[in-house]
Each structure stands twice: as structure tokens, then as C-alpha cells.
């Protein structure tokens, strides 16, 4: 076998850069669809959902039931679209924390026993999107790319000005001797 060993590394980097956005998008869309479906389920029978929330002993059950449904339905929809992704992720994360501690914690981890593995998984993934954003294949990237690029250009210009300023300042005696 002959050839440049770095060629294989470059090929792997190319594949990784191609697949990473697809994997991130798949994760975002799948979690969004799951949340959207759970929100739709609640919305389809809000009176029953309000009764459940009341049964959990949550204060202001009607308001909290609507907030929970909105976090799941609209948060899921926004994740699917990759729009306002950090905000959607935060709403889902908070909703999943409530689900874990109020509804599922006493049942253990496993979902088959009514445990918290599903809200834990969904919550952690939602938290990831709070900090990561939609990725390059979401509407956030499309709509806010210009703003992010302009901010990056301003930061670079500020850094260049600072470097120029430092280069023009006279050296102090301690700097010359050191």
C-alpha cells in the first residue's frame, strides 16, 4: 500500500463534517416529533390533562397544564423546524424536570415501571440544544447566520484594533530589559 497516510484522515474528516449536521438534525427532529406528539396528546384532551396535573398536587393546575402542553407541543414544533431552538430546548428541559421530580421519580428509572428514563433522556437532549442550537440545517442557522457573521466580523475588527494599539504603544523600560 502506498500513498499519503494523511489522505485517509482527510477523507474521514470530510465524511465526519458531512454526517455531523445530518446526525444533529436527525436527533433534533426526532426529539421534536416525540415532544410534539406528547403535546398533541395533551391538547386533544385538555380537561383530562388538567385533572391529571391537579392529581399530582401541582399548584394552579389549569395554568400549569396549559404551560406543560405548550412546552411540549410548541417546543417540539420549534425543535422540528430548528427555530428558536435554545428557547424551545429550555422549555422542554424545564417541563421534563417537573415530569421527573413530580410524576416519575418515585417509580425508579425504568419506563416499564413508570420511571423517569424517557423524561430524563428527552430533558438531557433538550438541554444539549439549549447550548448547541439547531445546527446548520435548522431555520435558526438560515435566519440568524447573517447576524452571527456580522457579530464575528465586529469581534475580529475589535481584536485587530487592539493589536494595532498594542503594537503602537511605546515599550516600557521593564519590557525592554526583560
Foldseek 3Di string as FASTA:
>chain_A
DDDDPCVVVVVVVVVCVVCVLVVLLVLLLVLLVVLLVVLVVCVVPVVVQLVVQVVLVDPPSSVVSVLLSCLRNVLSVCSNQLHPLLVSLVSLLVSLVCCQPRPAVVQDDDVVSVHSVVSVVSNVSSNVCNPVGNGCPHVCCVPCVVVVVVVVVVVVVVVVVVVVVVVPDDDDPVVVVD
